[in-house]
Amino acid sequence: MNRRNRLLPATLALATATALLVSSCSSSGSEDDQDSADGTPSNSPAATAPSTPGTPGTPDAATTAPDTPAPGPTTPSAGAPAPGTPAGSPPPGTPPGTGTPPGNPAPPPAGARWQPTPGLAWQWQLGGAVDQSVDVPVYDIDGFENDASVVAALHAKGRKVICYINAGSWENFRPDSAAFAKSLQGSDTGWKGEKWFDIRKLDQLRPLMAARFDMCRSKGFDAIEPDTIEAYNQNSGFPLTADDQLKYNRMLAQLAHERGLAIGLKNDLDQIPALLADFDFAVNEECSQFDECDRVAPFVKAGKAVFHVEYKLDTDRFCGKAKSLGFSSMRKKLELDAWRKPC
């Protein structure tokens, strides 16, 4: 189940306030100066990572062992706009805020797509200006709220950068919100201003998601983290089935791969066996809290990274098993600011 809905009964008021704060604030709020250094060489591939709400933790210092960087190009993925093309200047008719218009680019050359390998340290920051001092090879950050200059600066430091995008629910605060018809919007997700998508309508959602993925590519991101992609087991307002979700998630994977971008499976544990071959890595929230980490382990066995966070458990309660499984694990705060306590 998606973290947002798992935590909702106990933390709706706090989570809603945080969601609004994350979408409007511009300060980083980092409290983890000591945890920033993971001992990763400065030329390690990395990326910027979006953070996810959870219970605030105590910012005590932690140390980590050096991580082995994943092989892969540090330049923007195949299919990116030619040098000199300004990002965020789409032709008329493109949904606002999505960069280049949706298209159907030719598949990139074999091996051109980044493949995150197990054990890579990462940073997931969705709130505030990105703290680029965290010495890890992978960052996961908000695709709308960060421009190409942020991605380029991280690339210059040898990082790989993941583009966080909400692919499963409508958000009224996004610049392209008007492009999504009312008929696509279902029940509230529990977060103010968000409604589940009718994922059965692939013909309508495909070009809209393509436009968002084009934005990620035009800014130079290496990969995509699509959020809220398990509507079929939520109160979405639509009679969605597991098969509907499989079709939709595979469509997202195809769109990413057509653009030379890697893509991660966010939660959706029940469908991991069916979707493992379609996704390049996993992003998981609180598998230790809910005793589910063994269900995500097939990604590591397939040579694919599992980027994992906990919000309520301190590191001494989950890092041992997470390391044994080969996960890239850390504790984050509900605010998803720069603070992190890695394993």
Protein backbone atom coordinates (compact mmCIF):
# COMPACT_ATOMS: atom_id res chain seq x y z
CA MET A 1 0.00 0.00 0.00
CA ASN A 2 1.16 3.51 -0.68
CA ARG A 3 2.80 5.23 2.29
CA ARG A 4 0.56 8.25 1.99
CA ASN A 5 -2.55 6.21 2.65
CA ARG A 6 -0.90 3.98 5.23
CA LEU A 7 0.03 6.94 7.39
CA LEU A 8 -3.17 8.86 6.73
CA PRO A 9 -5.37 7.65 9.63
CA ALA A 10 -2.82 8.65 12.26
CA THR A 11 -1.21 11.68 10.65
CA LEU A 12 -3.69 13.32 8.29
CA ALA A 13 -3.50 16.75 9.87
CA LEU A 14 0.30 16.79 10.05
CA ALA A 15 0.76 15.21 6.64
CA THR A 16 -1.61 17.64 4.95
CA ALA A 17 0.12 20.62 6.48
CA THR A 18 3.48 19.21 5.44
CA ALA A 19 2.35 18.56 1.90
CA LEU A 20 1.34 22.19 1.58
CA LEU A 21 4.60 23.33 3.11
CA VAL A 22 6.68 21.13 0.79
CA SER A 23 4.93 22.47 -2.27
CA SER A 24 5.39 26.14 -1.33
CA CYS A 25 8.63 26.46 0.61
CA SER A 26 11.99 27.20 -0.93
CA SER A 27 14.34 26.74 2.03
CA SER A 28 16.20 23.48 2.55
CA GLY A 29 15.89 23.15 6.33
CA SER A 30 18.86 20.76 6.40
CA GLU A 31 19.90 19.56 9.83
CA ASP A 32 22.30 16.78 8.84
CA ASP A 33 25.68 18.36 8.30
CA GLN A 34 27.48 15.39 9.85
CA ASP A 35 25.48 12.79 7.93
CA SER A 36 26.20 14.41 4.58
CA ALA A 37 29.53 12.68 4.04
CA ASP A 38 29.09 9.07 2.99
CA GLY A 39 32.66 8.63 1.86
CA THR A 40 31.63 8.28 -1.77
CA PRO A 41 34.25 9.44 -4.29
CA SER A 42 33.36 12.78 -5.85
CA ASN A 43 33.27 11.24 -9.31
CA SER A 44 30.62 8.69 -8.38
CA PRO A 45 27.46 8.70 -10.50
CA ALA A 46 24.52 10.03 -8.52
CA ALA A 47 21.15 11.68 -8.62
CA THR A 48 18.86 14.02 -6.70
CA ALA A 49 16.18 12.34 -4.68
CA PRO A 50 12.67 13.36 -3.55
CA SER A 51 11.94 12.90 0.10
CA THR A 52 8.79 11.41 1.52
CA PRO A 53 6.76 12.37 4.56
CA GLY A 54 7.22 10.39 7.78
CA THR A 55 7.51 10.91 11.50
CA PRO A 56 10.16 13.49 12.42
CA GLY A 57 13.29 11.91 13.87
CA THR A 58 16.20 13.03 15.97
CA PRO A 59 19.01 14.43 13.81
CA ASP A 60 21.79 12.53 15.49
CA ALA A 61 25.01 11.95 13.61
CA ALA A 62 25.65 8.78 11.64
CA THR A 63 28.39 7.43 9.47
CA THR A 64 28.32 5.18 6.49
CA ALA A 65 30.77 3.08 4.57
CA PRO A 66 31.81 4.24 1.11
CA ASP A 67 29.52 3.18 -1.67
CA THR A 68 30.59 1.73 -4.96
CA PRO A 69 29.33 3.96 -7.80
CA ALA A 70 27.17 2.39 -10.42
CA PRO A 71 28.58 2.36 -13.94
CA GLY A 72 26.86 4.56 -16.44
CA PRO A 73 27.12 7.81 -18.36
CA THR A 74 27.15 11.09 -16.50
CA THR A 75 25.83 13.04 -19.44
CA PRO A 76 22.11 13.56 -20.08
CA SER A 77 20.30 10.51 -21.43
CA ALA A 78 19.89 9.75 -25.11
CA GLY A 79 17.16 11.73 -26.77
CA ALA A 80 17.71 14.92 -24.75
CA PRO A 81 17.29 18.24 -26.56
CA ALA A 82 20.24 19.56 -28.55
CA PRO A 83 22.62 21.90 -26.68
CA GLY A 84 21.34 25.44 -26.60
CA THR A 85 17.67 24.47 -26.48
CA PRO A 86 16.23 26.31 -23.49
CA ALA A 87 14.51 24.03 -21.01
CA GLY A 88 10.94 24.95 -20.15
CA SER A 89 10.24 26.70 -23.49
CA PRO A 90 7.80 24.33 -25.20
CA PRO A 91 5.97 25.11 -28.45
CA PRO A 92 2.39 26.39 -28.25
CA GLY A 93 -0.08 23.73 -27.15
CA THR A 94 2.20 22.01 -24.66
CA PRO A 95 0.71 21.75 -21.13
CA PRO A 96 2.27 24.49 -18.97
CA GLY A 97 5.33 23.58 -16.96
CA THR A 98 6.13 20.35 -18.76
CA GLY A 99 9.06 21.35 -20.95
CA THR A 100 9.14 19.72 -24.37
CA PRO A 101 5.92 18.43 -25.95
CA PRO A 102 4.95 14.76 -25.73
CA GLY A 103 6.35 12.59 -28.47
CA ASN A 104 7.40 9.09 -29.35
CA PRO A 105 11.19 9.20 -29.55
CA ALA A 106 13.16 6.36 -31.01
CA PRO A 107 14.54 3.90 -28.43
CA PRO A 108 18.04 4.81 -27.21
CA PRO A 109 21.01 2.63 -28.09
CA ALA A 110 21.36 -0.55 -26.06
CA GLY A 111 23.07 0.11 -22.74
CA ALA A 112 22.50 3.88 -22.87
CA ARG A 113 20.04 3.85 -19.97
CA TRP A 114 21.38 4.16 -16.43
CA GLN A 115 20.95 1.03 -14.31
CA PRO A 116 21.25 1.73 -10.56
CA THR A 117 22.97 -1.18 -8.84
CA PRO A 118 22.28 -2.45 -5.31
CA GLY A 119 23.90 -0.64 -2.40
CA LEU A 120 24.21 2.85 -3.89
CA ALA A 121 23.76 5.53 -1.24
CA TRP A 122 21.12 8.11 -2.04
CA GLN A 123 19.50 11.34 -0.95
CA TRP A 124 15.76 11.96 -1.24
CA GLN A 125 14.81 15.61 -0.87
CA LEU A 126 11.44 16.94 -1.97
CA GLY A 127 11.24 19.94 0.31
CA GLY A 128 13.25 23.14 -0.01
CA ALA A 129 16.23 24.13 -2.08
CA VAL A 130 18.33 21.04 -2.77
CA ASP A 131 21.30 20.67 -0.46
CA GLN A 132 23.96 19.64 -2.95
CA SER A 133 26.61 19.01 -0.28
CA VAL A 134 25.34 15.52 0.59
CA ASP A 135 28.12 13.25 -0.64
CA VAL A 136 26.17 10.39 -2.20
CA PRO A 137 26.06 9.12 -5.80
CA VAL A 138 22.27 9.39 -6.24
CA TYR A 139 19.82 12.23 -5.66
CA ASP A 140 16.03 12.01 -6.00
CA ILE A 141 14.34 15.44 -6.27
CA ASP A 142 11.10 17.04 -7.45
CA GLY A 143 10.98 17.33 -11.24
CA PHE A 144 8.78 20.42 -11.33
CA GLU A 145 10.46 22.40 -8.58
CA ASN A 146 14.04 22.03 -9.82
CA ASP A 147 15.30 23.39 -13.11
CA ALA A 148 18.01 22.15 -15.44
CA SER A 149 20.71 24.13 -13.64
CA VAL A 150 20.23 22.08 -10.45
CA VAL A 151 20.53 18.82 -12.38
CA ALA A 152 23.58 20.10 -14.25
CA ALA A 153 25.26 21.15 -11.00
CA LEU A 154 24.71 17.70 -9.52
CA HIS A 155 26.00 16.05 -12.69
CA ALA A 156 29.12 18.22 -12.44
CA LYS A 157 29.72 16.63 -9.04
CA GLY A 158 29.37 13.15 -10.52
CA ARG A 159 25.83 12.53 -9.28
CA LYS A 160 22.96 10.74 -10.95
CA VAL A 161 19.60 12.48 -10.57
CA ILE A 162 16.10 10.97 -10.33
CA CYS A 163 13.04 13.03 -11.30
CA TYR A 164 10.17 12.73 -8.81
CA ILE A 165 6.79 12.99 -10.57
CA ASN A 166 3.30 12.19 -9.34
CA ALA A 167 2.04 9.81 -12.00
CA GLY A 168 -1.03 8.44 -10.26
CA SER A 169 -2.96 11.40 -8.94
CA TRP A 170 -3.89 14.93 -9.96
CA GLU A 171 -2.38 17.82 -7.99
CA ASN A 172 -4.01 21.22 -8.22
CA PHE A 173 -0.75 23.05 -7.48
CA ARG A 174 1.19 21.74 -10.48
CA PRO A 175 1.64 24.08 -13.47
CA ASP A 176 0.03 21.57 -15.87
CA SER A 177 -3.00 20.82 -13.66
CA ALA A 178 -5.46 22.38 -16.14
CA ALA A 179 -4.45 19.83 -18.79
CA PHE A 180 -6.13 17.00 -16.84
CA ALA A 181 -9.85 16.71 -17.58
CA LYS A 182 -12.32 16.46 -14.69
CA SER A 183 -13.27 13.00 -15.92
CA LEU A 184 -9.76 11.81 -15.07
CA GLN A 185 -10.04 12.92 -11.44
CA GLY A 186 -11.54 10.60 -8.85
CA SER A 187 -11.64 10.58 -5.05
CA ASP A 188 -9.34 12.59 -2.83
CA THR A 189 -6.11 10.82 -1.99
CA GLY A 190 -6.24 12.21 1.53
CA TRP A 191 -3.81 14.98 0.67
CA LYS A 192 -5.29 18.42 0.02
CA GLY A 193 -5.56 19.25 -3.65
CA GLU A 194 -4.93 15.67 -4.86
CA LYS A 195 -7.31 13.26 -6.58
CA TRP A 196 -6.70 9.77 -7.93
CA PHE A 197 -6.45 9.33 -11.70
CA ASP A 198 -8.72 7.03 -13.68
CA ILE A 199 -5.79 4.96 -14.90
CA ARG A 200 -8.03 3.00 -17.27
CA LYS A 201 -8.00 6.00 -19.64
CA LEU A 202 -4.59 5.32 -21.12
CA ASP A 203 -5.34 7.26 -24.30
CA GLN A 204 -5.80 10.46 -22.29
CA LEU A 205 -3.13 9.95 -19.66
CA ARG A 206 -0.37 8.71 -21.96
CA PRO A 207 0.31 12.09 -23.68
CA LEU A 208 0.06 13.93 -20.37
CA MET A 209 2.56 11.63 -18.71
CA ALA A 210 4.74 11.78 -21.83
CA ALA A 211 4.84 15.56 -21.47
CA ARG A 212 5.98 15.26 -17.86
CA PHE A 213 8.62 12.70 -18.74
CA ASP A 214 9.79 14.95 -21.58
CA MET A 215 10.20 17.70 -19.00
CA CYS A 216 12.42 15.40 -16.93
CA ARG A 217 14.48 14.49 -19.97
CA SER A 218 14.81 18.11 -21.12
CA LYS A 219 16.19 19.07 -17.70
CA GLY A 220 18.80 16.32 -17.93
CA PHE A 221 17.48 13.86 -15.35
CA ASP A 222 18.73 10.26 -15.50
CA ALA A 223 15.66 8.49 -14.17
CA ILE A 224 12.07 8.89 -13.03
CA GLU A 225 10.34 8.06 -9.76
CA PRO A 226 6.59 7.95 -10.47
CA ASP A 227 4.53 8.28 -7.30
CA THR A 228 1.05 6.94 -6.34
CA ILE A 229 1.04 4.09 -8.85
CA GLU A 230 -1.08 1.62 -6.93
CA ALA A 231 -4.53 3.19 -7.20
CA TYR A 232 -6.19 -0.17 -7.80
CA ASN A 233 -6.04 -1.06 -4.10
CA GLN A 234 -7.11 2.39 -2.88
CA ASN A 235 -10.47 4.16 -2.65
CA SER A 236 -9.90 5.87 -5.97
CA GLY A 237 -13.52 6.45 -6.94
CA PHE A 238 -13.12 4.14 -9.93
CA PRO A 239 -13.61 0.35 -10.26
CA LEU A 240 -9.94 -0.29 -10.93
CA THR A 241 -8.44 -3.75 -11.15
CA ALA A 242 -4.95 -5.13 -10.70
CA ASP A 243 -4.79 -5.60 -14.46
CA ASP A 244 -5.61 -1.90 -14.97
CA GLN A 245 -2.68 -1.02 -12.75
CA LEU A 246 -0.30 -3.37 -14.54
CA LYS A 247 -1.19 -1.84 -17.89
CA TYR A 248 -0.76 1.67 -16.57
CA ASN A 249 2.53 1.02 -14.82
CA ARG A 250 3.94 -0.73 -17.88
CA MET A 251 2.90 2.25 -19.97
CA LEU A 252 4.90 4.50 -17.64
CA ALA A 253 7.93 2.22 -17.92
CA GLN A 254 7.68 2.26 -21.71
CA LEU A 255 7.46 6.06 -21.80
CA ALA A 256 10.57 6.36 -19.63
CA HIS A 257 12.58 3.82 -21.60
CA GLU A 258 11.65 5.44 -24.92
CA ARG A 259 13.31 8.57 -23.58
CA GLY A 260 16.45 6.81 -22.38
CA LEU A 261 15.43 7.21 -18.74
CA ALA A 262 15.50 4.59 -16.02
CA ILE A 263 12.33 4.23 -13.95
CA GLY A 264 11.65 3.01 -10.43
CA LEU A 265 8.69 1.05 -9.08
CA LYS A 266 7.31 2.99 -6.11
CA ASN A 267 5.93 0.61 -3.47
CA ASP A 268 3.18 -1.52 -5.20
CA LEU A 269 4.54 -4.62 -3.48
CA ASP A 270 1.84 -7.01 -4.67
CA GLN A 271 2.80 -6.46 -8.30
CA ILE A 272 6.58 -6.71 -7.96
CA PRO A 273 6.70 -10.24 -9.44
CA ALA A 274 4.81 -9.08 -12.53
CA LEU A 275 6.63 -5.75 -12.96
CA LEU A 276 10.22 -6.62 -12.01
CA ALA A 277 11.32 -6.93 -15.64
CA ASP A 278 9.73 -3.58 -16.58
CA PHE A 279 11.37 -1.40 -13.91
CA ASP A 280 15.03 -0.57 -13.32
CA PHE A 281 14.97 -0.05 -9.55
CA ALA A 282 12.55 0.18 -6.63
CA VAL A 283 11.69 2.99 -4.23
CA ASN A 284 10.22 1.71 -0.99
CA GLU A 285 8.83 3.38 2.09
CA GLU A 286 8.67 1.66 5.46
CA CYS A 287 9.06 -1.97 4.46
CA SER A 288 10.77 -2.53 7.82
CA GLN A 289 7.97 -0.84 9.74
CA PHE A 290 5.46 -3.18 8.11
CA ASP A 291 7.71 -6.27 7.87
CA GLU A 292 7.63 -6.33 4.07
CA CYS A 293 11.26 -5.97 3.01
CA ASP A 294 11.59 -9.55 1.81
CA ARG A 295 8.93 -8.77 -0.79
CA VAL A 296 11.14 -6.07 -2.33
CA ALA A 297 14.28 -8.22 -2.31
CA PRO A 298 13.71 -9.62 -5.86
CA PHE A 299 14.99 -6.30 -7.23
CA VAL A 300 18.38 -6.80 -5.59
CA LYS A 301 18.51 -10.40 -6.76
CA ALA A 302 17.98 -9.06 -10.29
CA GLY A 303 20.91 -6.63 -9.86
CA LYS A 304 18.65 -3.60 -9.39
CA ALA A 305 18.84 -1.06 -6.55
CA VAL A 306 16.24 -0.76 -3.81
CA PHE A 307 16.14 2.82 -2.48
CA HIS A 308 14.51 2.48 0.94
CA VAL A 309 13.47 4.86 3.73
CA GLU A 310 11.96 4.53 7.16
CA TYR A 311 10.26 7.36 9.05
CA LYS A 312 9.41 6.01 12.51
CA LEU A 313 12.10 3.41 13.15
CA ASP A 314 15.59 4.45 14.15
CA THR A 315 18.46 3.00 12.17
CA ASP A 316 19.43 0.42 14.79
CA ARG A 317 16.06 -1.25 14.22
CA PHE A 318 16.26 -1.71 10.46
CA CYS A 319 19.77 -1.19 9.09
CA GLY A 320 21.02 -4.67 9.92
CA LYS A 321 18.46 -6.44 7.81
CA ALA A 322 18.45 -3.73 5.14
CA LYS A 323 22.19 -4.15 4.65
CA SER A 324 21.88 -7.94 4.55
CA LEU A 325 19.31 -7.56 1.76
CA GLY A 326 21.52 -5.14 -0.19
CA PHE A 327 19.15 -2.17 0.19
CA SER A 328 20.14 1.49 0.01
CA SER A 329 18.50 2.55 3.27
CA MET A 330 18.18 5.62 5.47
CA ARG A 331 15.86 7.33 7.87
CA LYS A 332 14.11 10.53 6.77
CA LYS A 333 11.84 13.06 8.44
CA LEU A 334 8.25 13.78 7.53
CA GLU A 335 9.31 17.12 6.05
CA LEU A 336 11.52 15.40 3.46
CA ASP A 337 14.08 18.13 3.82
CA ALA A 338 17.82 17.57 3.50
CA TRP A 339 18.17 15.75 6.82
CA ARG A 340 19.03 12.08 6.55
CA LYS A 341 20.39 9.33 8.79
CA PRO A 342 21.83 6.64 6.52
CA CYS A 343 22.58 3.04 7.39
